Amino acid sequence: MSRRFKDLIREFAPDAKPEADTAPIAAPEPESPALADGPTAVVMTEFLDTVAELSVLLDEETAALAAGDLEGLEVYARRKQAMADRLGGIMTQAQSGTLRLNDDLRAMILERVERLDRAINDNAAGLVAMRKAVLSINRSLLVALEKAASDGLYAPSGHAVRPVELSASGLNAEL
């Protein structure tokens, strides 16, 4: 009995599987893409952290303004400038063109930037209110000084005549 090549193939053929065990095999789930590659992750992590810190700083300053605590405004201004410089450096790195952003990273950036925008708007409103209050106080002081300095003398226009000159800021330098 001689063996042929096709007989050998049948010997090595895989055994037929029973029909009951042939359940459809689920396709492997694709791996979720990484948020970012190495350089992108470094720059974006620093950017997201800085934006979050700046939002917190603006919220702190806004709370201080609302409480009437104006002692630390200069410190807040310096800290905001330092963070702006830091963000400028990060943006220079980001504009190098080597960053690759996926949809998840874009969503994270958008969320942080929206929070920063709200913090900026609240902070600006607080600073504008403080400026208006300072200007109102300054006007009241000028009116009081004008009345005190006029000695009851009025010009033909109806404005008080001052016997003393006011400083460049409009305040009586002799007080």
Protein backbone atom coordinates (compact mmCIF):
# COMPACT_ATOMS: atom_id res chain seq x y z
CA MET A 1 0.00 0.00 0.00
CA SER A 2 1.56 3.15 -1.08
CA ARG A 3 0.83 6.47 0.49
CA ARG A 4 0.10 9.47 -1.53
CA PHE A 5 0.71 13.10 -0.73
CA LYS A 6 -3.00 13.85 -0.29
CA ASP A 7 -3.28 11.05 2.27
CA LEU A 8 -0.51 12.67 4.32
CA ILE A 9 -2.30 16.00 4.23
CA ARG A 10 -5.43 14.42 5.67
CA GLU A 11 -3.42 12.97 8.55
CA PHE A 12 -2.14 16.40 9.56
CA ALA A 13 -5.42 18.20 9.00
CA PRO A 14 -6.92 19.66 12.18
CA ASP A 15 -9.72 17.68 13.72
CA ALA A 16 -13.16 18.92 12.90
CA LYS A 17 -14.73 20.77 15.78
CA PRO A 18 -18.23 19.91 16.84
CA GLU A 19 -20.90 22.37 15.68
CA ALA A 20 -21.98 23.27 19.24
CA ASP A 21 -18.59 24.68 20.17
CA THR A 22 -18.40 27.01 17.19
CA ALA A 23 -19.74 30.09 18.97
CA PRO A 24 -18.72 33.32 17.28
CA ILE A 25 -15.47 34.60 18.68
CA ALA A 26 -15.65 38.18 19.82
CA ALA A 27 -13.23 40.44 18.06
CA PRO A 28 -10.54 41.72 20.38
CA GLU A 29 -11.28 45.20 21.59
CA PRO A 30 -8.91 47.75 20.15
CA GLU A 31 -6.57 49.18 22.68
CA SER A 32 -7.48 52.69 23.69
CA PRO A 33 -4.96 55.07 22.27
CA ALA A 34 -2.58 56.69 24.69
CA LEU A 35 -3.50 60.24 25.60
CA ALA A 36 -0.28 61.56 24.18
CA ASP A 37 3.23 60.67 23.19
CA GLY A 38 6.16 61.59 25.43
CA PRO A 39 6.89 65.20 24.38
CA THR A 40 3.19 66.02 24.08
CA ALA A 41 2.47 64.55 27.51
CA VAL A 42 5.20 66.60 29.15
CA VAL A 43 4.13 69.90 27.59
CA MET A 44 0.40 69.29 28.05
CA THR A 45 0.80 68.19 31.67
CA GLU A 46 2.71 71.37 32.44
CA PHE A 47 0.15 73.45 30.52
CA LEU A 48 -2.87 71.88 32.24
CA ASP A 49 -1.27 72.21 35.69
CA THR A 50 -0.36 75.86 35.11
CA VAL A 51 -3.84 76.72 33.85
CA ALA A 52 -5.38 75.01 36.89
CA GLU A 53 -3.01 76.89 39.25
CA LEU A 54 -3.81 80.19 37.55
CA SER A 55 -7.55 79.52 37.91
CA VAL A 56 -7.11 78.85 41.63
CA LEU A 57 -5.00 82.02 42.02
CA LEU A 58 -7.63 84.13 40.28
CA ASP A 59 -10.34 82.61 42.48
CA GLU A 60 -8.29 83.45 45.58
CA GLU A 61 -7.79 87.04 44.45
CA THR A 62 -11.49 87.38 43.64
CA ALA A 63 -12.39 86.10 47.11
CA ALA A 64 -9.95 88.58 48.68
CA LEU A 65 -11.50 91.42 46.67
CA ALA A 66 -14.99 90.37 47.72
CA ALA A 67 -13.88 90.31 51.36
CA GLY A 68 -12.33 93.78 51.02
CA ASP A 69 -8.83 92.48 51.74
CA LEU A 70 -6.66 94.65 49.49
CA GLU A 71 -3.36 94.11 51.29
CA GLY A 72 -2.12 91.29 49.06
CA LEU A 73 -3.06 92.68 45.64
CA GLU A 74 0.55 93.38 44.75
CA VAL A 75 1.49 89.80 45.61
CA TYR A 76 -1.35 88.51 43.43
CA ALA A 77 -0.18 90.72 40.58
CA ARG A 78 3.38 89.35 40.79
CA ARG A 79 2.14 85.75 40.97
CA LYS A 80 -0.15 86.26 37.98
CA GLN A 81 2.74 87.76 35.99
CA ALA A 82 4.97 84.80 36.86
CA MET A 83 2.27 82.37 35.71
CA ALA A 84 1.75 84.36 32.51
CA ASP A 85 5.48 84.11 31.81
CA ARG A 86 5.35 80.37 32.51
CA LEU A 87 2.41 79.94 30.14
CA GLY A 88 4.28 81.94 27.50
CA GLY A 89 7.18 79.51 27.69
CA ILE A 90 4.85 76.53 27.47
CA MET A 91 3.09 78.02 24.46
CA THR A 92 6.45 78.52 22.75
CA GLN A 93 7.15 74.81 23.24
CA ALA A 94 3.65 73.92 22.02
CA GLN A 95 4.08 75.92 18.83
CA SER A 96 7.14 73.92 17.86
CA GLY A 97 4.78 71.65 15.91
CA THR A 98 5.77 68.36 17.50
CA LEU A 99 2.65 68.01 19.62
CA ARG A 100 -0.06 65.56 18.67
CA LEU A 101 -3.41 66.08 20.36
CA ASN A 102 -6.17 63.49 20.32
CA ASP A 103 -9.83 64.13 21.12
CA ASP A 104 -9.51 63.23 24.82
CA LEU A 105 -6.63 65.64 25.31
CA ARG A 106 -8.47 68.37 23.43
CA ALA A 107 -11.49 67.87 25.71
CA MET A 108 -9.28 68.16 28.81
CA ILE A 109 -7.71 71.35 27.48
CA LEU A 110 -11.11 72.82 26.63
CA GLU A 111 -12.42 72.05 30.12
CA ARG A 112 -9.45 73.75 31.82
CA VAL A 113 -9.57 76.76 29.51
CA GLU A 114 -13.31 77.20 30.12
CA ARG A 115 -12.68 77.14 33.88
CA LEU A 116 -9.88 79.68 33.44
CA ASP A 117 -12.19 81.89 31.37
CA ARG A 118 -14.81 81.87 34.15
CA ALA A 119 -12.12 82.70 36.74
CA ILE A 120 -10.82 85.55 34.58
CA ASN A 121 -14.31 87.01 34.13
CA ASP A 122 -15.05 86.84 37.87
CA ASN A 123 -11.67 88.35 38.72
CA ALA A 124 -12.03 91.14 36.18
CA ALA A 125 -15.48 91.98 37.54
CA GLY A 126 -14.02 92.21 41.06
CA LEU A 127 -11.14 94.41 39.92
CA VAL A 128 -13.50 96.70 37.98
CA ALA A 129 -15.74 97.04 41.04
CA MET A 130 -12.69 97.90 43.17
CA ARG A 131 -11.56 100.48 40.61
CA LYS A 132 -15.01 102.08 40.58
CA ALA A 133 -14.99 102.25 44.38
CA VAL A 134 -11.55 103.88 44.42
CA LEU A 135 -12.61 106.42 41.79
CA SER A 136 -15.77 107.22 43.74
CA ILE A 137 -13.78 107.77 46.93
CA ASN A 138 -11.30 109.93 45.02
CA ARG A 139 -14.13 112.07 43.60
CA SER A 140 -15.65 112.48 47.05
CA LEU A 141 -12.30 113.58 48.47
CA LEU A 142 -11.82 116.07 45.63
CA VAL A 143 -15.28 117.56 46.20
CA ALA A 144 -14.60 117.86 49.93
CA LEU A 145 -11.18 119.42 49.28
CA GLU A 146 -12.69 121.81 46.74
CA LYS A 147 -15.26 122.98 49.26
CA ALA A 148 -12.68 123.30 52.01
CA ALA A 149 -10.21 125.16 49.82
CA SER A 150 -12.65 127.60 48.24
CA ASP A 151 -13.08 129.83 51.31
CA GLY A 152 -16.50 130.70 49.95
CA LEU A 153 -15.09 132.33 46.81
CA TYR A 154 -16.70 131.45 43.50
CA ALA A 155 -15.75 132.36 39.95
CA PRO A 156 -18.28 133.82 37.51
CA SER A 157 -18.72 130.28 36.12
CA GLY A 158 -20.01 129.14 39.50
CA HIS A 159 -17.04 126.94 40.33
CA ALA A 160 -15.21 127.44 43.59
CA VAL A 161 -12.02 129.43 43.45
CA ARG A 162 -9.14 127.77 45.24
CA PRO A 163 -6.60 129.84 47.05
CA VAL A 164 -4.26 126.78 47.04
CA GLU A 165 -3.03 124.69 44.15
CA LEU A 166 -3.79 121.01 44.06
CA SER A 167 -1.12 118.40 43.37
CA ALA A 168 -0.98 116.48 40.09
CA SER A 169 -3.31 113.85 41.55
CA GLY A 170 -5.84 116.53 42.41
CA LEU A 171 -5.27 116.48 46.16
CA ASN A 172 -4.28 119.44 48.29
CA ALA A 173 -0.58 118.95 48.83
CA GLU A 174 -0.66 121.11 51.98
CA LEU A 175 -2.93 118.73 53.93
